[in-house]
Amino acid sequence: MRPTFSLGIEEEYQTIDPETRDLRSHIATEMLAKGKLRLEERVKAEMHQSVIEVGTRVCRNIKEAQEDLYDLRRNMINLAEEHGLRLVAGATHPFADWRSQEIYPDPRYAQVVEDLQLVARSNLIFGLHVHVGIEDREAAIRVMNSLRYFLPHILALSTNSPFWLGMETGYKSYRAKVFENFPRTNLPDTFASYSEFESYVNLLIRTNCIDNAKKIWWDIRPHPFFDTVEVRICDIPLRAEESIAIAALIQATAAKLWLLHSRNLDYRQYSRALIMENKFRAVRYGLDGKLIDFGKQIEVPVRQLFEEEYLAFVDDVLDELGCREQIGYIHTMLERGSGADRQLKVFRETGDLKAVVDYMAEETRAGL
């Protein structure tokens, strides 16, 4: 049976003091309480109090997801302003110090900090997570196995964290380097079946590695409680329309891979070790880098891969999904550069990280 390919999108935002341009914790907690009153379960706390997470409802298509996400961003921008704050979409803050950030008072986060110590406290990062509804768990595992290959491409498009602790890191996604300090991150291995995945999870629970499967933080995972494949590799982009384009691309890729499997065809499987080579290139160079075509055993510029191969690969599923317009925005993203490219451009022009934060705040509300 064909999956629904429903969509759920989660974004994590920074709450910024408009004077200092630094992250603010205390007022953000009040803001979260008001957000929950207005938007109910669509707003959540994160481990650091200066992080606000929103999640769309389960959406039948990209158009619904776009309306819901835009509504969430608008509401959170307004809420931030009511509390004398600004909302910023960036995967790291250009100069904030994690050591001065408060942890949200919740037993779950207290346990993570107890388990992971400094690694948890320093995890001051902001992501974009996209859920695609694939109700058959065996199909979900097959799609996940194949979709791993495309994750570096998707990450390159989303890169939006070139700074850390006031330094230019030389990476387009420094968020990815911070997060890989956690256990059970990065790309997963392939699984022969859903029962093999379940056996893995049950072994970790039985041996007190984790208390539930949500503590498996891979770049892609079968969600333990929803019938979705969840892609977690992305930096949160600056603009909502970028998030929507990336979500549409993830949905279309999942749909195309499912279509191949349903016809007894398959997308070639590559080892985790090889795909991790491409992930490093995406993290380091973003859209300006080259990824390896493992079949041809050559390097190809990322923009060329998108324009000549990736977008053509998913083209035949776009009309049925109703996402051709949103996917079309990827051409604009390739021309303008990722959020990381644009942050770096502002910094080169001004030499001022506060100017970078101001630019990020403007972009966060652009197009809404």
Protein backbone atom coordinates (compact mmCIF):
# COMPACT_ATOMS: atom_id res chain seq x y z
CA MET A 1 0.00 0.00 0.00
CA ARG A 2 1.28 3.47 -0.90
CA PRO A 3 2.41 5.51 2.12
CA THR A 4 0.68 8.83 2.86
CA PHE A 5 4.02 10.72 2.69
CA SER A 6 2.48 13.10 5.24
CA LEU A 7 4.77 15.81 6.61
CA GLY A 8 5.73 17.13 10.00
CA ILE A 9 8.37 19.86 10.36
CA GLU A 10 10.19 20.89 13.54
CA GLU A 11 12.31 24.03 13.86
CA GLU A 12 14.46 25.21 16.79
CA TYR A 13 14.85 28.99 17.25
CA GLN A 14 17.23 31.26 19.16
CA THR A 15 15.81 33.89 21.55
CA ILE A 16 17.99 37.00 21.31
CA ASP A 17 18.42 40.12 23.43
CA PRO A 18 18.00 43.03 20.94
CA GLU A 19 20.61 45.16 22.76
CA THR A 20 23.46 42.72 23.31
CA ARG A 21 22.44 40.37 20.45
CA ASP A 22 23.33 37.51 22.82
CA LEU A 23 21.05 34.61 23.69
CA ARG A 24 18.56 35.18 26.52
CA SER A 25 17.32 32.40 28.78
CA HIS A 26 15.07 33.71 31.56
CA ILE A 27 12.45 35.62 29.59
CA ALA A 28 12.37 32.81 27.04
CA THR A 29 10.85 30.53 29.70
CA GLU A 30 7.93 32.95 30.19
CA MET A 31 7.62 33.21 26.42
CA LEU A 32 7.43 29.43 26.17
CA ALA A 33 4.54 29.31 28.67
CA LYS A 34 2.59 31.90 26.64
CA GLY A 35 3.45 30.08 23.42
CA LYS A 36 1.98 26.87 24.80
CA LEU A 37 -1.24 28.71 25.71
CA ARG A 38 -1.59 30.05 22.15
CA LEU A 39 -0.18 27.24 20.08
CA GLU A 40 -0.60 24.26 22.45
CA GLU A 41 1.50 21.21 21.56
CA ARG A 42 3.06 22.95 18.57
CA VAL A 43 5.56 24.68 20.93
CA LYS A 44 8.05 22.80 23.11
CA ALA A 45 10.96 23.50 25.43
CA GLU A 46 14.43 22.33 24.54
CA MET A 47 17.32 21.49 26.84
CA HIS A 48 18.75 25.03 26.87
CA GLN A 49 16.25 27.70 27.94
CA SER A 50 17.24 30.01 25.08
CA VAL A 51 16.03 27.40 22.56
CA ILE A 52 12.37 27.32 21.51
CA GLU A 53 11.16 24.39 19.41
CA VAL A 54 8.05 24.43 17.24
CA GLY A 55 6.47 21.59 15.30
CA THR A 56 3.75 21.64 12.68
CA ARG A 57 0.69 19.45 12.85
CA VAL A 58 0.68 16.29 10.72
CA CYS A 59 0.25 17.80 7.24
CA ARG A 60 -1.15 15.99 4.21
CA ASN A 61 1.07 17.84 1.75
CA ILE A 62 3.75 20.53 1.47
CA LYS A 63 1.20 23.32 1.00
CA GLU A 64 -0.40 22.54 4.38
CA ALA A 65 3.06 22.27 5.96
CA GLN A 66 4.04 25.65 4.50
CA GLU A 67 0.93 27.38 5.87
CA ASP A 68 1.45 25.80 9.30
CA LEU A 69 5.18 26.55 9.51
CA TYR A 70 4.75 30.16 8.36
CA ASP A 71 2.00 30.59 10.97
CA LEU A 72 4.29 29.17 13.68
CA ARG A 73 7.20 31.45 12.73
CA ARG A 74 4.93 34.52 12.64
CA ASN A 75 3.49 33.68 16.05
CA MET A 76 6.89 33.04 17.61
CA ILE A 77 8.33 36.28 16.17
CA ASN A 78 5.39 38.20 17.66
CA LEU A 79 5.71 36.42 21.00
CA ALA A 80 9.42 37.19 21.13
CA GLU A 81 8.76 40.87 20.43
CA GLU A 82 6.09 41.00 23.15
CA HIS A 83 8.79 39.84 25.58
CA GLY A 84 11.38 42.31 24.31
CA LEU A 85 13.29 39.63 22.38
CA ARG A 86 14.09 38.83 18.77
CA LEU A 87 13.70 35.43 17.16
CA VAL A 88 16.59 34.08 15.07
CA ALA A 89 16.83 30.98 12.88
CA GLY A 90 20.47 29.92 12.87
CA ALA A 91 22.02 26.55 13.69
CA THR A 92 24.62 28.12 16.02
CA HIS A 93 24.73 31.59 17.55
CA PRO A 94 27.71 33.56 16.17
CA PHE A 95 29.23 34.39 19.57
CA ALA A 96 27.08 33.16 22.50
CA ASP A 97 28.89 31.08 25.13
CA TRP A 98 27.13 27.85 26.10
CA ARG A 99 28.69 28.08 29.58
CA SER A 100 26.40 30.99 30.49
CA GLN A 101 23.19 29.30 29.29
CA GLU A 102 20.55 27.91 31.65
CA ILE A 103 19.27 24.34 31.31
CA TYR A 104 15.46 24.00 31.15
CA PRO A 105 14.16 22.58 34.48
CA ASP A 106 12.85 19.20 33.39
CA PRO A 107 13.78 15.72 34.75
CA ARG A 108 14.37 14.44 31.20
CA TYR A 109 17.00 17.12 30.47
CA ALA A 110 18.52 16.74 33.94
CA GLN A 111 19.07 13.07 33.14
CA VAL A 112 20.69 13.85 29.77
CA VAL A 113 23.05 16.32 31.49
CA GLU A 114 23.80 13.75 34.21
CA ASP A 115 24.60 11.10 31.59
CA LEU A 116 26.53 13.24 29.11
CA GLN A 117 27.91 16.02 31.35
CA LEU A 118 29.86 18.74 29.47
CA VAL A 119 28.89 17.28 26.08
CA ALA A 120 25.22 17.93 26.89
CA ARG A 121 25.80 21.41 28.34
CA SER A 122 27.79 22.52 25.30
CA ASN A 123 25.17 21.26 22.83
CA LEU A 124 23.84 24.76 22.09
CA ILE A 125 22.66 24.07 18.54
CA PHE A 126 19.49 24.51 16.49
CA GLY A 127 18.16 22.11 13.88
CA LEU A 128 15.44 21.38 11.35
CA HIS A 129 13.80 17.95 11.58
CA VAL A 130 11.47 16.63 8.87
CA HIS A 131 9.09 13.67 9.33
CA VAL A 132 7.70 11.82 6.29
CA GLY A 133 4.77 9.46 6.86
CA ILE A 134 5.64 5.88 5.82
CA GLU A 135 3.20 3.69 7.68
CA ASP A 136 4.63 0.28 6.74
CA ARG A 137 7.62 -0.17 9.04
CA GLU A 138 9.47 -2.52 6.65
CA ALA A 139 9.07 0.02 3.84
CA ALA A 140 10.30 2.74 6.22
CA ILE A 141 13.52 0.80 6.88
CA ARG A 142 14.11 0.21 3.16
CA VAL A 143 13.58 3.90 2.39
CA MET A 144 15.84 4.92 5.30
CA ASN A 145 18.64 2.66 4.05
CA SER A 146 18.57 4.27 0.60
CA LEU A 147 17.89 7.84 1.74
CA ARG A 148 21.14 7.86 3.75
CA TYR A 149 23.03 8.41 0.47
CA PHE A 150 21.28 11.76 -0.12
CA LEU A 151 21.76 13.17 3.40
CA PRO A 152 25.07 14.97 2.67
CA HIS A 153 23.46 16.69 -0.33
CA ILE A 154 20.53 17.83 1.83
CA LEU A 155 22.86 18.98 4.62
CA ALA A 156 24.95 21.04 2.17
CA LEU A 157 21.79 22.89 1.13
CA SER A 158 20.82 23.65 4.75
CA THR A 159 24.24 24.67 6.15
CA ASN A 160 23.80 27.66 8.47
CA SER A 161 26.35 27.53 11.31
CA PRO A 162 29.76 28.92 10.34
CA PHE A 163 30.53 30.57 13.73
CA TRP A 164 31.09 29.21 17.25
CA LEU A 165 32.04 31.15 20.41
CA GLY A 166 32.83 34.26 18.36
CA MET A 167 35.14 32.44 15.96
CA GLU A 168 34.89 31.72 12.26
CA THR A 169 35.16 27.93 12.34
CA GLY A 170 36.03 27.25 8.70
CA TYR A 171 33.01 24.90 8.60
CA LYS A 172 29.67 25.64 6.94
CA SER A 173 27.86 23.43 9.48
CA TYR A 174 29.70 23.61 12.78
CA ARG A 175 26.46 22.42 14.40
CA ALA A 176 27.17 18.96 12.95
CA LYS A 177 30.61 18.90 14.62
CA VAL A 178 29.13 19.91 18.00
CA PHE A 179 26.35 17.34 17.83
CA GLU A 180 28.55 14.40 16.89
CA ASN A 181 29.98 14.51 20.45
CA PHE A 182 26.70 12.88 21.51
CA PRO A 183 26.51 9.08 21.36
CA ARG A 184 24.29 7.45 18.69
CA THR A 185 24.60 10.33 16.22
CA ASN A 186 25.75 10.66 12.60
CA LEU A 187 24.62 8.21 9.92
CA PRO A 188 23.19 4.83 10.90
CA ASP A 189 24.22 1.52 9.38
CA THR A 190 21.74 -0.24 7.11
CA PHE A 191 19.21 -2.64 8.66
CA ALA A 192 17.98 -5.76 6.89
CA SER A 193 14.51 -5.41 8.43
CA TYR A 194 12.49 -3.51 11.00
CA SER A 195 12.82 -6.43 13.40
CA GLU A 196 16.62 -6.11 13.19
CA PHE A 197 16.26 -2.42 14.14
CA GLU A 198 13.93 -3.38 17.02
CA SER A 199 16.42 -5.97 18.27
CA TYR A 200 19.12 -3.29 18.29
CA VAL A 201 16.89 -0.89 20.27
CA ASN A 202 15.82 -3.58 22.73
CA LEU A 203 19.44 -4.59 23.39
CA LEU A 204 20.34 -0.96 24.20
CA ILE A 205 17.36 -0.65 26.56
CA ARG A 206 18.08 -4.00 28.23
CA THR A 207 21.71 -3.05 28.86
CA ASN A 208 20.83 0.44 30.23
CA CYS A 209 22.37 2.39 27.34
CA ILE A 210 19.04 4.18 26.75
CA ASP A 211 15.59 4.17 28.33
CA ASN A 212 13.76 4.60 25.01
CA ALA A 213 14.49 4.81 21.28
CA LYS A 214 14.21 8.63 21.21
CA LYS A 215 17.76 8.67 22.57
CA ILE A 216 18.96 7.35 19.22
CA TRP A 217 19.89 10.67 17.63
CA TRP A 218 20.99 9.56 14.15
CA ASP A 219 20.81 11.84 11.11
CA ILE A 220 17.87 9.72 9.98
CA ARG A 221 15.79 7.28 11.98
CA PRO A 222 12.48 5.43 11.95
CA HIS A 223 10.64 7.44 14.58
CA PRO A 224 9.94 5.21 17.59
CA PHE A 225 6.44 6.56 18.29
CA PHE A 226 5.16 7.86 14.93
CA ASP A 227 4.89 6.00 11.61
CA THR A 228 7.47 8.29 10.04
CA VAL A 229 11.01 8.38 8.79
CA GLU A 230 12.61 11.39 10.48
CA VAL A 231 15.48 13.26 8.80
CA ARG A 232 17.50 15.12 11.46
CA ILE A 233 20.70 16.07 9.63
CA CYS A 234 19.77 19.64 8.68
CA ASP A 235 20.84 22.94 10.16
CA ILE A 236 17.83 25.21 10.61
CA PRO A 237 17.95 27.54 7.57
CA LEU A 238 17.49 31.30 7.86
CA ARG A 239 14.28 31.57 5.83
CA ALA A 240 11.05 29.63 6.23
CA GLU A 241 10.87 29.13 2.46
CA GLU A 242 14.27 27.40 2.63
CA SER A 243 12.96 25.03 5.32
CA ILE A 244 9.94 24.28 3.13
CA ALA A 245 12.07 23.63 0.03
CA ILE A 246 14.26 21.22 2.02
CA ALA A 247 11.20 19.47 3.51
CA ALA A 248 9.74 19.11 0.01
CA LEU A 249 13.03 17.63 -1.23
CA ILE A 250 13.12 15.12 1.63
CA GLN A 251 9.49 14.13 0.99
CA ALA A 252 10.11 13.78 -2.76
CA THR A 253 13.27 11.71 -2.21
CA ALA A 254 11.42 9.35 0.13
CA ALA A 255 8.55 9.04 -2.36
CA LYS A 256 10.89 8.32 -5.28
CA LEU A 257 12.82 5.68 -3.32
CA TRP A 258 9.57 4.02 -2.22
CA LEU A 259 8.41 4.00 -5.86
CA LEU A 260 11.61 2.22 -6.90
CA HIS A 261 11.23 -0.36 -4.12
CA SER A 262 7.57 -0.93 -5.05
CA ARG A 263 8.69 -1.85 -8.59
CA ASN A 264 11.31 -4.28 -7.25
CA LEU A 265 14.04 -1.81 -8.17
CA ASP A 266 16.47 -0.38 -5.70
CA TYR A 267 18.80 2.55 -5.16
CA ARG A 268 22.33 1.29 -4.76
CA GLN A 269 23.41 0.93 -1.12
CA TYR A 270 26.72 2.42 -0.03
CA SER A 271 28.53 1.81 3.23
CA ARG A 272 28.33 4.21 6.13
CA ALA A 273 32.09 4.74 5.84
CA LEU A 274 31.75 6.05 2.28
CA ILE A 275 28.71 8.25 2.92
CA MET A 276 30.50 9.75 5.95
CA GLU A 277 33.20 11.01 3.54
CA ASN A 278 30.50 13.00 1.75
CA LYS A 279 29.01 14.17 5.03
CA PHE A 280 32.35 15.66 6.07
CA ARG A 281 32.59 17.51 2.75
CA ALA A 282 29.07 18.92 3.22
CA VAL A 283 29.86 19.99 6.80
CA ARG A 284 33.15 21.62 5.78
CA TYR A 285 32.34 23.24 2.43
CA GLY A 286 28.53 23.29 2.07
CA LEU A 287 27.35 24.25 -1.41
CA ASP A 288 30.86 25.33 -2.43
CA GLY A 289 32.28 21.81 -2.10
CA LYS A 290 32.36 18.65 -4.19
CA LEU A 291 30.69 15.37 -3.27
CA ILE A 292 31.86 11.96 -4.42
CA ASP A 293 29.80 10.03 -6.96
CA PHE A 294 30.70 6.60 -5.64
CA GLY A 295 29.31 4.77 -8.68
CA LYS A 296 31.51 6.71 -11.11
CA GLN A 297 34.25 7.19 -8.48
CA ILE A 298 34.62 10.91 -9.26
CA GLU A 299 34.12 14.22 -7.44
CA VAL A 300 31.27 16.48 -8.61
CA PRO A 301 30.55 20.08 -7.49
CA VAL A 302 27.50 20.14 -5.20
CA ARG A 303 25.59 22.70 -7.29
CA GLN A 304 26.16 20.64 -10.42
CA LEU A 305 24.92 17.49 -8.64
CA PHE A 306 21.69 19.27 -7.73
CA GLU A 307 21.07 20.90 -11.11
CA GLU A 308 22.01 17.95 -13.32
CA GLU A 309 21.20 14.86 -11.26
CA TYR A 310 19.37 15.14 -7.92
CA LEU A 311 16.45 17.35 -9.02
CA ALA A 312 16.04 15.24 -12.18
CA PHE A 313 15.99 12.08 -10.04
CA VAL A 314 12.93 13.22 -8.04
CA ASP A 315 11.16 15.05 -10.89
CA ASP A 316 8.63 12.31 -11.72
CA VAL A 317 7.05 12.33 -8.24
CA LEU A 318 6.69 16.11 -7.78
CA ASP A 319 3.31 16.62 -9.44
CA GLU A 320 1.60 13.81 -7.53
CA LEU A 321 3.00 15.22 -4.27
CA GLY A 322 2.08 18.79 -5.31
CA CYS A 323 5.50 20.18 -4.40
CA ARG A 324 6.97 21.33 -7.74
CA GLU A 325 6.79 25.03 -6.78
CA GLN A 326 8.50 24.47 -3.42
CA ILE A 327 11.24 22.30 -4.98
CA GLY A 328 11.73 25.03 -7.59
CA TYR A 329 12.98 27.35 -4.84
CA ILE A 330 16.09 25.16 -4.55
CA HIS A 331 17.40 26.82 -7.73
CA THR A 332 17.23 30.17 -5.87
CA MET A 333 19.02 28.66 -2.88
CA LEU A 334 21.82 27.37 -5.10
CA GLU A 335 22.23 30.86 -6.59
CA ARG A 336 22.03 32.86 -3.32
CA GLY A 337 24.12 30.46 -1.27
CA SER A 338 23.22 28.77 1.99
CA GLY A 339 22.64 30.60 5.27
CA ALA A 340 26.28 29.96 6.17
CA ASP A 341 27.46 31.61 2.94
CA ARG A 342 25.29 34.66 3.59
CA GLN A 343 26.33 34.97 7.26
CA LEU A 344 29.98 34.88 6.19
CA LYS A 345 29.35 37.51 3.50
CA VAL A 346 27.88 39.91 6.09
CA PHE A 347 30.83 39.27 8.42
CA ARG A 348 33.37 39.88 5.63
CA GLU A 349 31.63 43.16 4.79
CA THR A 350 31.22 44.44 8.37
CA GLY A 351 33.70 42.55 10.56
CA ASP A 352 30.91 42.62 13.16
CA LEU A 353 29.20 39.51 14.54
CA LYS A 354 26.38 41.65 15.96
CA ALA A 355 25.64 42.76 12.38
CA VAL A 356 25.50 39.06 11.48
CA VAL A 357 22.89 38.47 14.23
CA ASP A 358 20.85 41.45 12.94
CA TYR A 359 20.97 40.01 9.42
CA MET A 360 19.88 36.59 10.71
CA ALA A 361 16.90 38.16 12.53
CA GLU A 362 15.82 39.97 9.34
CA GLU A 363 16.09 36.79 7.28
CA THR A 364 14.14 34.81 9.89
CA ARG A 365 11.07 36.96 9.22
CA ALA A 366 11.61 37.36 5.44
CA GLY A 367 8.78 36.23 3.21
CA LEU A 368 6.30 35.60 6.03
